[in-house]
Every structure is written in structure tokens, then in C-alpha cells.
N, C-alpha and C. Protein backbone atom coordinates (compact mmCIF):
# COMPACT_ATOMS: atom_id res chain seq x y z
N MET A 1 22.52 -50.01 -39.14
CA MET A 1 22.84 -48.69 -39.63
C MET A 1 23.09 -48.74 -41.13
N ASN A 2 22.60 -47.74 -41.85
CA ASN A 2 22.83 -47.65 -43.28
C ASN A 2 24.30 -47.43 -43.55
N CYS A 3 24.89 -48.26 -44.42
CA CYS A 3 26.32 -48.15 -44.69
C CYS A 3 26.63 -46.91 -45.53
N GLU A 4 25.65 -46.41 -46.27
CA GLU A 4 25.86 -45.25 -47.11
C GLU A 4 25.23 -44.03 -46.45
N ILE A 5 26.06 -43.04 -46.12
CA ILE A 5 25.58 -41.82 -45.49
C ILE A 5 25.68 -40.70 -46.51
N SER A 6 24.58 -39.98 -46.70
CA SER A 6 24.59 -38.91 -47.69
C SER A 6 25.59 -37.84 -47.30
N GLU A 7 25.98 -37.03 -48.28
CA GLU A 7 26.97 -35.98 -48.05
C GLU A 7 26.48 -35.00 -46.98
N THR A 8 25.19 -34.64 -47.03
CA THR A 8 24.65 -33.68 -46.05
C THR A 8 24.65 -34.28 -44.65
N ARG A 9 24.24 -35.53 -44.53
CA ARG A 9 24.21 -36.15 -43.20
C ARG A 9 25.63 -36.34 -42.66
N MET A 10 26.57 -36.66 -43.55
CA MET A 10 27.96 -36.76 -43.09
C MET A 10 28.47 -35.42 -42.62
N ARG A 11 28.04 -34.34 -43.29
CA ARG A 11 28.44 -33.00 -42.87
C ARG A 11 27.86 -32.67 -41.50
N ILE A 12 26.62 -33.10 -41.25
CA ILE A 12 26.01 -32.89 -39.93
C ILE A 12 26.82 -33.61 -38.86
N LEU A 13 27.20 -34.85 -39.14
CA LEU A 13 28.01 -35.61 -38.18
C LEU A 13 29.35 -34.92 -37.92
N GLN A 14 29.95 -34.39 -38.98
CA GLN A 14 31.23 -33.71 -38.83
C GLN A 14 31.08 -32.45 -37.98
N LEU A 15 30.01 -31.69 -38.21
CA LEU A 15 29.76 -30.48 -37.43
C LEU A 15 29.55 -30.80 -35.96
N LEU A 16 28.76 -31.85 -35.70
CA LEU A 16 28.51 -32.24 -34.31
C LEU A 16 29.78 -32.76 -33.65
N LYS A 17 30.62 -33.41 -34.42
CA LYS A 17 31.89 -33.89 -33.89
C LYS A 17 32.78 -32.72 -33.48
N MET A 18 32.80 -31.70 -34.34
CA MET A 18 33.68 -30.56 -34.08
C MET A 18 33.14 -29.63 -33.00
N ARG A 19 31.80 -29.51 -32.91
CA ARG A 19 31.21 -28.53 -32.00
C ARG A 19 30.54 -29.16 -30.78
N SER A 20 30.57 -30.46 -30.69
CA SER A 20 30.01 -31.20 -29.54
C SER A 20 28.49 -31.28 -29.58
N SER A 21 27.82 -30.15 -29.70
CA SER A 21 26.36 -30.15 -29.78
C SER A 21 25.88 -28.92 -30.53
N MET A 22 24.72 -29.05 -31.20
CA MET A 22 24.17 -27.94 -31.97
C MET A 22 22.66 -28.03 -32.01
N THR A 23 22.01 -26.89 -32.15
CA THR A 23 20.56 -26.85 -32.32
C THR A 23 20.23 -26.92 -33.80
N ILE A 24 18.95 -27.07 -34.11
CA ILE A 24 18.51 -27.10 -35.51
C ILE A 24 18.82 -25.76 -36.18
N SER A 25 18.61 -24.67 -35.47
CA SER A 25 18.90 -23.34 -36.04
C SER A 25 20.37 -23.20 -36.38
N GLN A 26 21.23 -23.67 -35.49
CA GLN A 26 22.67 -23.58 -35.75
C GLN A 26 23.08 -24.44 -36.94
N LEU A 27 22.49 -25.63 -37.04
CA LEU A 27 22.79 -26.49 -38.18
C LEU A 27 22.27 -25.89 -39.48
N THR A 28 21.09 -25.26 -39.42
CA THR A 28 20.52 -24.60 -40.60
C THR A 28 21.46 -23.52 -41.12
N ASP A 29 21.98 -22.71 -40.19
CA ASP A 29 22.90 -21.63 -40.58
C ASP A 29 24.20 -22.19 -41.16
N ALA A 30 24.69 -23.28 -40.58
CA ALA A 30 25.97 -23.84 -41.02
C ALA A 30 25.86 -24.55 -42.37
N LEU A 31 24.70 -25.16 -42.61
CA LEU A 31 24.53 -25.98 -43.82
C LEU A 31 23.89 -25.21 -44.97
N HIS A 32 23.24 -24.07 -44.63
CA HIS A 32 22.56 -23.26 -45.64
C HIS A 32 21.44 -24.03 -46.34
N ILE A 33 20.70 -24.80 -45.54
CA ILE A 33 19.49 -25.46 -46.05
C ILE A 33 18.35 -25.15 -45.10
N SER A 34 17.14 -25.52 -45.49
CA SER A 34 15.97 -25.19 -44.68
C SER A 34 15.93 -25.98 -43.38
N GLN A 35 15.19 -25.44 -42.40
CA GLN A 35 15.03 -26.16 -41.14
C GLN A 35 14.33 -27.49 -41.37
N MET A 36 13.37 -27.51 -42.30
CA MET A 36 12.68 -28.76 -42.61
C MET A 36 13.66 -29.80 -43.12
N GLY A 37 14.58 -29.38 -43.98
CA GLY A 37 15.59 -30.30 -44.50
C GLY A 37 16.49 -30.83 -43.40
N VAL A 38 16.90 -29.93 -42.49
CA VAL A 38 17.75 -30.35 -41.37
C VAL A 38 17.01 -31.36 -40.51
N ARG A 39 15.73 -31.09 -40.23
CA ARG A 39 14.94 -32.00 -39.40
C ARG A 39 14.84 -33.39 -40.03
N GLN A 40 14.67 -33.43 -41.33
CA GLN A 40 14.54 -34.71 -42.02
C GLN A 40 15.84 -35.52 -41.92
N HIS A 41 16.98 -34.84 -42.11
CA HIS A 41 18.27 -35.52 -42.00
C HIS A 41 18.52 -35.99 -40.57
N LEU A 42 18.17 -35.16 -39.60
CA LEU A 42 18.37 -35.54 -38.20
C LEU A 42 17.49 -36.72 -37.81
N ALA A 43 16.28 -36.76 -38.35
CA ALA A 43 15.37 -37.87 -38.05
C ALA A 43 15.96 -39.19 -38.54
N ILE A 44 16.59 -39.15 -39.72
CA ILE A 44 17.22 -40.36 -40.27
C ILE A 44 18.42 -40.76 -39.41
N LEU A 45 19.23 -39.78 -39.03
CA LEU A 45 20.41 -40.06 -38.22
C LEU A 45 20.03 -40.60 -36.84
N GLU A 46 18.94 -40.09 -36.28
CA GLU A 46 18.47 -40.60 -35.00
C GLU A 46 17.98 -42.04 -35.14
N ALA A 47 17.25 -42.31 -36.22
CA ALA A 47 16.74 -43.66 -36.45
C ALA A 47 17.89 -44.66 -36.62
N GLU A 48 19.01 -44.18 -37.14
CA GLU A 48 20.18 -45.04 -37.34
C GLU A 48 21.07 -45.10 -36.10
N GLY A 49 20.67 -44.40 -35.05
CA GLY A 49 21.42 -44.45 -33.81
C GLY A 49 22.70 -43.63 -33.80
N LEU A 50 22.79 -42.65 -34.70
CA LEU A 50 24.02 -41.87 -34.81
C LEU A 50 23.95 -40.54 -34.07
N VAL A 51 22.75 -40.00 -33.87
CA VAL A 51 22.61 -38.77 -33.09
C VAL A 51 21.49 -38.94 -32.08
N ALA A 52 21.55 -38.14 -31.04
CA ALA A 52 20.52 -38.12 -30.01
C ALA A 52 20.30 -36.66 -29.62
N HIS A 53 19.14 -36.36 -29.05
CA HIS A 53 18.88 -34.97 -28.67
C HIS A 53 18.35 -34.87 -27.25
N TYR A 54 18.49 -33.70 -26.70
CA TYR A 54 17.89 -33.37 -25.41
C TYR A 54 17.38 -31.94 -25.48
N GLN A 55 16.52 -31.57 -24.57
CA GLN A 55 15.98 -30.21 -24.55
C GLN A 55 16.80 -29.35 -23.60
N GLU A 56 17.26 -28.23 -24.13
CA GLU A 56 18.08 -27.32 -23.35
C GLU A 56 17.21 -26.33 -22.57
N LYS A 57 17.32 -26.37 -21.27
CA LYS A 57 16.51 -25.48 -20.44
C LYS A 57 17.05 -24.06 -20.52
N GLN A 58 16.14 -23.11 -20.66
CA GLN A 58 16.53 -21.72 -20.72
C GLN A 58 15.40 -20.88 -20.12
N GLY A 59 15.32 -19.63 -20.49
CA GLY A 59 14.29 -18.74 -19.94
C GLY A 59 12.93 -19.06 -20.50
N ARG A 60 12.25 -18.06 -20.91
CA ARG A 60 10.89 -18.24 -21.46
C ARG A 60 10.94 -18.89 -22.84
N GLY A 61 9.80 -19.42 -23.20
CA GLY A 61 9.69 -20.04 -24.51
C GLY A 61 10.00 -21.52 -24.50
N ARG A 62 9.73 -22.12 -25.61
CA ARG A 62 9.93 -23.57 -25.75
C ARG A 62 11.43 -23.88 -25.81
N PRO A 63 11.93 -24.77 -24.96
CA PRO A 63 13.37 -25.08 -24.99
C PRO A 63 13.75 -25.78 -26.29
N PRO A 64 14.84 -25.38 -26.93
CA PRO A 64 15.24 -25.99 -28.21
C PRO A 64 15.82 -27.38 -28.01
N HIS A 65 15.71 -28.18 -29.04
CA HIS A 65 16.36 -29.48 -29.04
C HIS A 65 17.83 -29.30 -29.40
N VAL A 66 18.70 -29.92 -28.61
CA VAL A 66 20.13 -29.86 -28.87
C VAL A 66 20.59 -31.26 -29.27
N TYR A 67 21.33 -31.33 -30.38
CA TYR A 67 21.73 -32.63 -30.94
C TYR A 67 23.20 -32.91 -30.67
N GLN A 68 23.47 -34.19 -30.39
CA GLN A 68 24.83 -34.66 -30.12
C GLN A 68 25.07 -35.98 -30.85
N LEU A 69 26.33 -36.32 -31.02
CA LEU A 69 26.68 -37.64 -31.56
C LEU A 69 26.51 -38.71 -30.49
N THR A 70 26.13 -39.89 -30.90
CA THR A 70 26.13 -41.05 -30.00
C THR A 70 27.51 -41.69 -30.02
N ASP A 71 27.74 -42.64 -29.12
CA ASP A 71 29.01 -43.37 -29.10
C ASP A 71 29.23 -44.11 -30.42
N GLU A 72 28.14 -44.61 -30.99
CA GLU A 72 28.25 -45.34 -32.26
C GLU A 72 28.76 -44.42 -33.36
N ALA A 73 28.26 -43.18 -33.39
CA ALA A 73 28.69 -42.22 -34.41
C ALA A 73 30.15 -41.85 -34.23
N ASN A 74 30.58 -41.72 -32.98
CA ASN A 74 31.98 -41.39 -32.73
C ASN A 74 32.91 -42.44 -33.31
N GLY A 75 32.41 -43.69 -33.38
CA GLY A 75 33.22 -44.76 -33.94
C GLY A 75 33.44 -44.64 -35.44
N LEU A 76 32.67 -43.75 -36.11
CA LEU A 76 32.84 -43.55 -37.55
C LEU A 76 34.09 -42.75 -37.88
N PHE A 77 34.59 -42.05 -36.89
CA PHE A 77 35.72 -41.17 -37.14
C PHE A 77 37.03 -41.88 -36.80
N PRO A 78 38.02 -41.76 -37.66
CA PRO A 78 39.29 -42.48 -37.44
C PRO A 78 40.02 -41.97 -36.21
N THR A 79 40.73 -42.89 -35.57
CA THR A 79 41.57 -42.53 -34.43
C THR A 79 42.96 -43.09 -34.64
N THR A 80 43.91 -42.63 -33.84
CA THR A 80 45.29 -43.11 -33.96
C THR A 80 45.65 -44.00 -32.78
N TYR A 81 44.64 -44.44 -32.01
CA TYR A 81 44.93 -45.23 -30.81
C TYR A 81 45.69 -46.50 -31.13
N ALA A 82 45.27 -47.23 -32.16
CA ALA A 82 45.92 -48.50 -32.48
C ALA A 82 47.36 -48.27 -32.92
N ASN A 83 47.57 -47.27 -33.77
CA ASN A 83 48.93 -46.97 -34.21
C ASN A 83 49.80 -46.55 -33.03
N PHE A 84 49.23 -45.78 -32.13
CA PHE A 84 49.96 -45.38 -30.93
C PHE A 84 50.36 -46.61 -30.11
N ALA A 85 49.43 -47.56 -29.98
CA ALA A 85 49.71 -48.77 -29.20
C ALA A 85 50.85 -49.56 -29.82
N VAL A 86 50.86 -49.67 -31.14
CA VAL A 86 51.94 -50.41 -31.81
C VAL A 86 53.27 -49.71 -31.60
N GLU A 87 53.27 -48.38 -31.75
CA GLU A 87 54.51 -47.63 -31.56
C GLU A 87 55.02 -47.79 -30.12
N LEU A 88 54.07 -47.80 -29.18
CA LEU A 88 54.44 -47.98 -27.78
C LEU A 88 55.06 -49.36 -27.55
N MET A 89 54.48 -50.38 -28.19
CA MET A 89 55.01 -51.73 -28.06
C MET A 89 56.42 -51.82 -28.64
N HIS A 90 56.66 -51.11 -29.74
CA HIS A 90 58.00 -51.11 -30.33
C HIS A 90 59.03 -50.56 -29.33
N GLU A 91 58.63 -49.49 -28.67
CA GLU A 91 59.54 -48.88 -27.69
C GLU A 91 59.79 -49.82 -26.52
N VAL A 92 58.71 -50.47 -26.06
CA VAL A 92 58.85 -51.42 -24.95
C VAL A 92 59.78 -52.57 -25.34
N ALA A 93 59.61 -53.06 -26.59
CA ALA A 93 60.44 -54.18 -27.07
C ALA A 93 61.92 -53.80 -27.15
N LYS A 94 62.21 -52.52 -27.42
CA LYS A 94 63.60 -52.07 -27.50
C LYS A 94 64.31 -52.29 -26.17
N PHE A 95 63.60 -52.04 -25.09
CA PHE A 95 64.22 -52.11 -23.77
C PHE A 95 64.10 -53.49 -23.12
N ASN A 96 63.07 -54.25 -23.49
CA ASN A 96 62.81 -55.53 -22.81
C ASN A 96 62.92 -56.75 -23.71
N GLY A 97 63.12 -56.52 -25.01
CA GLY A 97 63.21 -57.64 -25.94
C GLY A 97 61.84 -58.01 -26.49
N PRO A 98 61.78 -58.59 -27.70
CA PRO A 98 60.50 -58.92 -28.34
C PRO A 98 59.67 -59.92 -27.55
N GLY A 99 60.32 -60.78 -26.79
CA GLY A 99 59.56 -61.77 -26.01
C GLY A 99 58.71 -61.16 -24.93
N PHE A 100 59.07 -59.96 -24.51
CA PHE A 100 58.30 -59.29 -23.45
C PHE A 100 56.89 -58.96 -23.92
N ILE A 101 56.74 -58.64 -25.21
CA ILE A 101 55.42 -58.30 -25.75
C ILE A 101 54.48 -59.50 -25.62
N ASN A 102 54.99 -60.69 -25.90
CA ASN A 102 54.16 -61.89 -25.75
C ASN A 102 53.75 -62.10 -24.30
N LYS A 103 54.64 -61.75 -23.36
CA LYS A 103 54.29 -61.85 -21.95
C LYS A 103 53.15 -60.89 -21.62
N VAL A 104 53.18 -59.71 -22.22
CA VAL A 104 52.11 -58.73 -22.01
C VAL A 104 50.79 -59.29 -22.53
N PHE A 105 50.83 -59.87 -23.73
CA PHE A 105 49.61 -60.45 -24.31
C PHE A 105 49.07 -61.58 -23.45
N ARG A 106 49.96 -62.43 -22.95
CA ARG A 106 49.52 -63.54 -22.12
C ARG A 106 48.95 -63.05 -20.78
N GLY A 107 49.53 -61.98 -20.26
CA GLY A 107 48.98 -61.39 -19.04
C GLY A 107 47.59 -60.83 -19.26
N ARG A 108 47.40 -60.20 -20.41
CA ARG A 108 46.07 -59.67 -20.75
C ARG A 108 45.08 -60.81 -20.91
N MET A 109 45.52 -61.92 -21.55
CA MET A 109 44.65 -63.07 -21.73
C MET A 109 44.21 -63.65 -20.39
N LYS A 110 45.13 -63.69 -19.42
CA LYS A 110 44.79 -64.22 -18.10
C LYS A 110 43.68 -63.40 -17.46
N SER A 111 43.76 -62.07 -17.59
CA SER A 111 42.73 -61.20 -17.02
C SER A 111 41.41 -61.40 -17.75
N GLN A 112 41.48 -61.50 -19.09
CA GLN A 112 40.25 -61.73 -19.86
C GLN A 112 39.62 -63.06 -19.50
N LEU A 113 40.46 -64.09 -19.34
CA LEU A 113 39.95 -65.42 -19.04
C LEU A 113 39.15 -65.41 -17.74
N GLU A 114 39.65 -64.72 -16.74
CA GLU A 114 38.93 -64.65 -15.46
C GLU A 114 37.57 -64.00 -15.65
N THR A 115 37.53 -62.90 -16.43
CA THR A 115 36.27 -62.20 -16.67
C THR A 115 35.31 -63.06 -17.47
N TYR A 116 35.82 -63.69 -18.54
CA TYR A 116 34.98 -64.53 -19.38
C TYR A 116 34.39 -65.69 -18.59
N GLN A 117 35.23 -66.37 -17.82
CA GLN A 117 34.77 -67.55 -17.10
C GLN A 117 33.69 -67.21 -16.07
N GLN A 118 33.77 -66.05 -15.49
CA GLN A 118 32.73 -65.62 -14.55
C GLN A 118 31.38 -65.53 -15.24
N ARG A 119 31.37 -65.05 -16.48
CA ARG A 119 30.12 -64.91 -17.22
C ARG A 119 29.64 -66.22 -17.85
N LEU A 120 30.57 -67.15 -18.06
CA LEU A 120 30.20 -68.41 -18.71
C LEU A 120 29.91 -69.53 -17.72
N GLU A 121 30.25 -69.32 -16.47
CA GLU A 121 30.15 -70.38 -15.47
C GLU A 121 28.73 -70.92 -15.34
N GLY A 122 28.62 -72.27 -15.30
CA GLY A 122 27.34 -72.91 -15.06
C GLY A 122 26.44 -73.03 -16.27
N LYS A 123 26.90 -72.60 -17.44
CA LYS A 123 26.06 -72.62 -18.64
C LYS A 123 26.37 -73.86 -19.49
N THR A 124 25.42 -74.24 -20.32
CA THR A 124 25.65 -75.30 -21.30
C THR A 124 26.61 -74.77 -22.36
N LEU A 125 27.14 -75.66 -23.19
CA LEU A 125 28.07 -75.23 -24.24
C LEU A 125 27.39 -74.23 -25.16
N SER A 126 26.16 -74.50 -25.55
CA SER A 126 25.42 -73.59 -26.43
C SER A 126 25.33 -72.20 -25.82
N ASP A 127 24.97 -72.14 -24.55
CA ASP A 127 24.82 -70.84 -23.88
C ASP A 127 26.18 -70.18 -23.64
N ARG A 128 27.23 -71.00 -23.48
CA ARG A 128 28.57 -70.42 -23.31
C ARG A 128 29.01 -69.72 -24.60
N VAL A 129 28.74 -70.35 -25.73
CA VAL A 129 29.13 -69.74 -27.01
C VAL A 129 28.30 -68.47 -27.24
N LYS A 130 27.00 -68.53 -26.93
CA LYS A 130 26.16 -67.34 -27.08
C LYS A 130 26.67 -66.19 -26.21
N GLU A 131 27.03 -66.52 -24.97
CA GLU A 131 27.51 -65.48 -24.05
C GLU A 131 28.86 -64.95 -24.51
N LEU A 132 29.71 -65.82 -25.04
CA LEU A 132 31.00 -65.38 -25.56
C LEU A 132 30.79 -64.41 -26.72
N ALA A 133 29.82 -64.70 -27.57
CA ALA A 133 29.51 -63.79 -28.68
C ALA A 133 29.06 -62.43 -28.14
N ARG A 134 28.25 -62.44 -27.07
CA ARG A 134 27.81 -61.17 -26.46
C ARG A 134 29.01 -60.39 -25.93
N ILE A 135 29.91 -61.08 -25.25
CA ILE A 135 31.09 -60.44 -24.68
C ILE A 135 31.92 -59.80 -25.79
N ARG A 136 32.17 -60.57 -26.83
CA ARG A 136 33.01 -60.06 -27.91
C ARG A 136 32.32 -58.91 -28.65
N ASP A 137 31.01 -58.96 -28.76
CA ASP A 137 30.28 -57.86 -29.38
C ASP A 137 30.43 -56.59 -28.54
N GLU A 138 30.34 -56.75 -27.23
CA GLU A 138 30.52 -55.61 -26.32
C GLU A 138 31.93 -55.02 -26.44
N GLU A 139 32.89 -55.85 -26.80
CA GLU A 139 34.28 -55.41 -26.91
C GLU A 139 34.58 -54.81 -28.28
N GLY A 140 33.58 -54.74 -29.16
CA GLY A 140 33.76 -54.08 -30.45
C GLY A 140 34.05 -54.98 -31.62
N TYR A 141 33.87 -56.32 -31.44
CA TYR A 141 34.20 -57.25 -32.52
C TYR A 141 33.02 -57.52 -33.47
N MET A 142 31.88 -56.89 -33.21
CA MET A 142 30.68 -57.10 -34.04
C MET A 142 30.43 -58.60 -34.19
N ALA A 143 30.35 -59.28 -33.05
CA ALA A 143 30.25 -60.74 -33.02
C ALA A 143 28.80 -61.21 -33.02
N ARG A 144 28.59 -62.42 -33.53
CA ARG A 144 27.26 -63.03 -33.46
C ARG A 144 27.40 -64.55 -33.36
N PHE A 145 26.31 -65.16 -32.91
CA PHE A 145 26.25 -66.61 -32.70
C PHE A 145 25.36 -67.23 -33.78
N GLU A 146 25.82 -68.36 -34.32
CA GLU A 146 25.01 -69.14 -35.24
C GLU A 146 25.20 -70.61 -34.89
N GLU A 147 24.38 -71.47 -35.48
CA GLU A 147 24.59 -72.91 -35.32
C GLU A 147 24.01 -73.66 -36.50
N ASP A 148 24.55 -74.83 -36.76
CA ASP A 148 23.99 -75.73 -37.76
C ASP A 148 23.82 -77.09 -37.10
N SER A 149 23.61 -78.11 -37.89
CA SER A 149 23.33 -79.42 -37.30
C SER A 149 24.50 -79.99 -36.50
N ASP A 150 25.73 -79.61 -36.86
CA ASP A 150 26.91 -80.20 -36.23
C ASP A 150 27.67 -79.26 -35.29
N ASP A 151 27.60 -77.97 -35.57
CA ASP A 151 28.48 -77.05 -34.86
C ASP A 151 27.76 -75.80 -34.35
N TYR A 152 28.35 -75.19 -33.31
CA TYR A 152 28.05 -73.83 -32.93
C TYR A 152 29.08 -72.95 -33.64
N VAL A 153 28.68 -71.76 -34.02
CA VAL A 153 29.57 -70.90 -34.80
C VAL A 153 29.64 -69.51 -34.16
N LEU A 154 30.86 -69.04 -33.97
CA LEU A 154 31.12 -67.69 -33.48
C LEU A 154 31.72 -66.90 -34.64
N ILE A 155 31.07 -65.80 -35.00
CA ILE A 155 31.54 -64.98 -36.13
C ILE A 155 31.85 -63.57 -35.63
N GLU A 156 33.01 -63.05 -36.03
CA GLU A 156 33.40 -61.69 -35.70
C GLU A 156 33.64 -60.90 -36.99
N HIS A 157 32.89 -59.82 -37.16
CA HIS A 157 32.98 -59.03 -38.39
C HIS A 157 33.96 -57.86 -38.29
N ASN A 158 34.46 -57.61 -37.10
CA ASN A 158 35.37 -56.48 -36.91
C ASN A 158 36.49 -56.89 -35.97
N CYS A 159 37.64 -56.24 -36.09
CA CYS A 159 38.76 -56.50 -35.18
C CYS A 159 39.32 -55.16 -34.70
N PRO A 160 38.98 -54.76 -33.47
CA PRO A 160 39.47 -53.50 -32.95
C PRO A 160 40.99 -53.43 -32.81
N ILE A 161 41.64 -54.59 -32.76
CA ILE A 161 43.09 -54.61 -32.60
C ILE A 161 43.79 -55.07 -33.89
N ALA A 162 43.16 -54.82 -35.03
CA ALA A 162 43.71 -55.30 -36.31
C ALA A 162 45.11 -54.77 -36.57
N VAL A 163 45.35 -53.50 -36.28
CA VAL A 163 46.67 -52.92 -36.52
C VAL A 163 47.73 -53.61 -35.65
N ILE A 164 47.36 -53.91 -34.41
CA ILE A 164 48.27 -54.62 -33.50
C ILE A 164 48.51 -56.05 -33.99
N ALA A 165 47.42 -56.71 -34.42
CA ALA A 165 47.54 -58.10 -34.89
C ALA A 165 48.39 -58.22 -36.14
N GLN A 166 48.35 -57.21 -37.00
CA GLN A 166 49.19 -57.24 -38.20
C GLN A 166 50.67 -57.17 -37.83
N GLU A 167 50.97 -56.42 -36.78
CA GLU A 167 52.35 -56.27 -36.35
C GLU A 167 52.80 -57.43 -35.46
N TYR A 168 51.86 -57.92 -34.65
CA TYR A 168 52.15 -59.00 -33.70
C TYR A 168 51.11 -60.11 -33.88
N PRO A 169 51.23 -60.92 -34.94
CA PRO A 169 50.22 -61.94 -35.25
C PRO A 169 50.02 -62.97 -34.15
N HIS A 170 50.99 -63.09 -33.25
CA HIS A 170 50.86 -64.07 -32.17
C HIS A 170 49.66 -63.77 -31.28
N VAL A 171 49.21 -62.52 -31.28
CA VAL A 171 48.06 -62.16 -30.44
C VAL A 171 46.81 -62.92 -30.88
N CYS A 172 46.73 -63.26 -32.16
CA CYS A 172 45.57 -64.01 -32.66
C CYS A 172 45.56 -65.44 -32.10
N GLU A 173 46.75 -66.03 -31.98
CA GLU A 173 46.83 -67.38 -31.42
C GLU A 173 46.51 -67.36 -29.93
N ILE A 174 46.89 -66.29 -29.26
CA ILE A 174 46.56 -66.15 -27.84
C ILE A 174 45.05 -66.01 -27.68
N GLU A 175 44.40 -65.27 -28.58
CA GLU A 175 42.94 -65.15 -28.54
C GLU A 175 42.27 -66.50 -28.75
N LEU A 176 42.80 -67.29 -29.67
CA LEU A 176 42.23 -68.61 -29.93
C LEU A 176 42.35 -69.48 -28.67
N ALA A 177 43.48 -69.40 -28.01
CA ALA A 177 43.66 -70.15 -26.75
C ALA A 177 42.69 -69.65 -25.69
N LEU A 178 42.44 -68.33 -25.68
CA LEU A 178 41.48 -67.75 -24.74
C LEU A 178 40.09 -68.34 -24.96
N PHE A 179 39.68 -68.45 -26.20
CA PHE A 179 38.36 -69.03 -26.50
C PHE A 179 38.28 -70.48 -26.05
N ARG A 180 39.33 -71.26 -26.34
CA ARG A 180 39.32 -72.68 -25.99
C ARG A 180 39.23 -72.87 -24.48
N GLN A 181 40.00 -72.08 -23.73
CA GLN A 181 39.98 -72.22 -22.28
C GLN A 181 38.68 -71.69 -21.68
N SER A 182 38.13 -70.63 -22.27
CA SER A 182 36.88 -70.06 -21.76
C SER A 182 35.72 -71.02 -21.96
N LEU A 183 35.66 -71.65 -23.13
CA LEU A 183 34.56 -72.54 -23.46
C LEU A 183 34.78 -73.95 -22.92
N GLY A 184 36.04 -74.32 -22.70
CA GLY A 184 36.34 -75.68 -22.30
C GLY A 184 35.96 -76.66 -23.39
N ALA A 185 36.22 -76.26 -24.63
CA ALA A 185 35.79 -77.07 -25.77
C ALA A 185 36.76 -76.91 -26.94
N LYS A 186 36.69 -77.84 -27.87
CA LYS A 186 37.47 -77.75 -29.09
C LYS A 186 36.92 -76.60 -29.93
N ILE A 187 37.80 -75.83 -30.54
CA ILE A 187 37.35 -74.73 -31.40
C ILE A 187 38.32 -74.59 -32.55
N VAL A 188 37.78 -74.42 -33.75
CA VAL A 188 38.60 -74.32 -34.95
C VAL A 188 38.29 -72.99 -35.64
N ARG A 189 39.34 -72.25 -35.98
CA ARG A 189 39.14 -71.00 -36.73
C ARG A 189 39.15 -71.32 -38.22
N GLU A 190 38.02 -71.11 -38.87
CA GLU A 190 37.89 -71.42 -40.29
C GLU A 190 38.23 -70.24 -41.19
N GLU A 191 37.91 -69.04 -40.75
CA GLU A 191 38.20 -67.83 -41.53
C GLU A 191 38.92 -66.84 -40.62
N HIS A 192 39.78 -66.02 -41.24
CA HIS A 192 40.63 -65.15 -40.45
C HIS A 192 40.81 -63.81 -41.17
N LEU A 193 40.46 -62.73 -40.49
CA LEU A 193 40.62 -61.39 -41.07
C LEU A 193 42.07 -61.13 -41.46
N MET A 194 42.99 -61.60 -40.67
CA MET A 194 44.40 -61.34 -40.93
C MET A 194 44.94 -62.14 -42.13
N GLN A 195 44.11 -63.06 -42.64
CA GLN A 195 44.53 -63.84 -43.81
C GLN A 195 43.66 -63.53 -45.02
N GLY A 196 43.06 -62.34 -45.01
CA GLY A 196 42.34 -61.86 -46.18
C GLY A 196 40.84 -62.06 -46.19
N SER A 197 40.30 -62.73 -45.19
CA SER A 197 38.85 -62.90 -45.12
C SER A 197 38.21 -61.60 -44.64
N HIS A 198 36.89 -61.49 -44.83
CA HIS A 198 36.18 -60.30 -44.37
C HIS A 198 35.69 -60.47 -42.94
N ARG A 199 36.05 -61.61 -42.31
CA ARG A 199 35.60 -61.87 -40.96
C ARG A 199 36.46 -62.97 -40.35
N CYS A 200 36.33 -63.15 -39.03
CA CYS A 200 36.89 -64.33 -38.37
C CYS A 200 35.72 -65.25 -38.02
N CYS A 201 35.88 -66.52 -38.31
CA CYS A 201 34.80 -67.48 -38.08
C CYS A 201 35.35 -68.68 -37.33
N TYR A 202 34.71 -69.02 -36.21
CA TYR A 202 35.15 -70.12 -35.35
C TYR A 202 34.04 -71.16 -35.24
N ARG A 203 34.41 -72.44 -35.36
CA ARG A 203 33.46 -73.53 -35.23
C ARG A 203 33.75 -74.33 -33.96
N ILE A 204 32.68 -74.63 -33.23
CA ILE A 204 32.77 -75.41 -32.00
C ILE A 204 31.86 -76.62 -32.16
N PRO A 205 32.42 -77.82 -32.31
CA PRO A 205 31.58 -79.01 -32.53
C PRO A 205 30.63 -79.26 -31.36
N LYS A 206 29.38 -79.55 -31.68
CA LYS A 206 28.41 -79.87 -30.65
C LYS A 206 28.77 -81.15 -29.90
N SER A 207 29.56 -82.00 -30.56
CA SER A 207 29.93 -83.27 -29.96
C SER A 207 30.84 -83.09 -28.74
N THR A 208 31.40 -81.87 -28.55
CA THR A 208 32.28 -81.64 -27.40
C THR A 208 31.47 -81.18 -26.18
N GLU A 209 30.13 -81.18 -26.30
CA GLU A 209 29.24 -80.77 -25.17
C GLU A 209 29.57 -81.57 -23.93
């Protein structure tokens, strides 16, 4: 996806966010530009995976195309979920003590470990790391797999729980333990988003195969 979205295309995304779905005619009226211009912007947004369309069935005549945001586009808009989660944890800690939060994280890790191991079972180390990257990508971490002559590398470009990790950094150590137990291998975190890097980077030596 293009990291730079023009002002007009961003306005289209905002309109679709607010109104759920719109036709080309409705967008033309709202934006005060030509239908041709609207079509061109929509074509770019569709190519980038930010909008999708369907044909609305009606009476006579050609059914109009109705445009909606994709799940990927919805992710462009800020939410307060993470802040809400942190505030909720603060309240829980008031009644149960700060150690209870770590118990919650460890309980979550146990559930994740069961899910991860089911998907990694029976695979070589290389395929386990690749599958782990797929899992983490599905979970919103923008993860990918790489390798060099000595190591397999797991890279995460995003952290959906960054706000929580800033408040409760122990969750990052629990995640590292989750990776080690899931892969059954040595793993070293070389770069860390919470320590100022633009990504988290993990190395898994091939020698631990």
C-alpha cells in the first residue's frame, strides 16, 4: 500500500468510514469533483486494497456500484482499544495487586502456545520459523521471515500491543519465552520497538536445528 494518501483519497476514506457505503454519484456530490475524478481515485484505492465495491440490486436500469472500506482501510483510523485495555489493567491491579497482571499475561501465553504448537508441529526449524512469521502477521505484527548463512530471522514491523507493552514491559519477555517454547530453539532479540528501534528482530541460529 502507498504510504502517502492524497488529500482527496483520504477524504473518500473518511466519507466511507462515516457513511459505511457510498455510490460514485454520492461521492461526486460530497467531494464536488467530476465522476471521472472520483472513479480514478477509487481505482487507486481499490488497487491498494483500501476499498471494495459491490453492485446494489434495485429496479430497472444498471445497478450502481457501492463502495465500502476494507478491513485494511479500517486499520488506518485510530482507536482507543489499547488505551482502554491499559486503563482496565490498572483497575484490575488495584483490586488484585500488580502481580496479577503478570498472571494474566502468562495465562494468555499458555493459550497462544497451544495454538502455535498445533500449527508448528511436525515441521523443520526453517518451516517452524516461517509458520510463526505467518501467525504473527495474521495477528497484526506485519511479520516476515528471512535467513542468512547462519540464522533464520523473524522480523516484526508493527506491535498491536505497543501501548500495553510500554506500560507493562514484562509482556515482551513473556512473548520472547513464547517464541522459544513454540520453536523449541534458541532465539535472540536483536532489535526492539520498545527500545527505540523501528522494528523487533529475532535471530534463530540454524545450528539449533
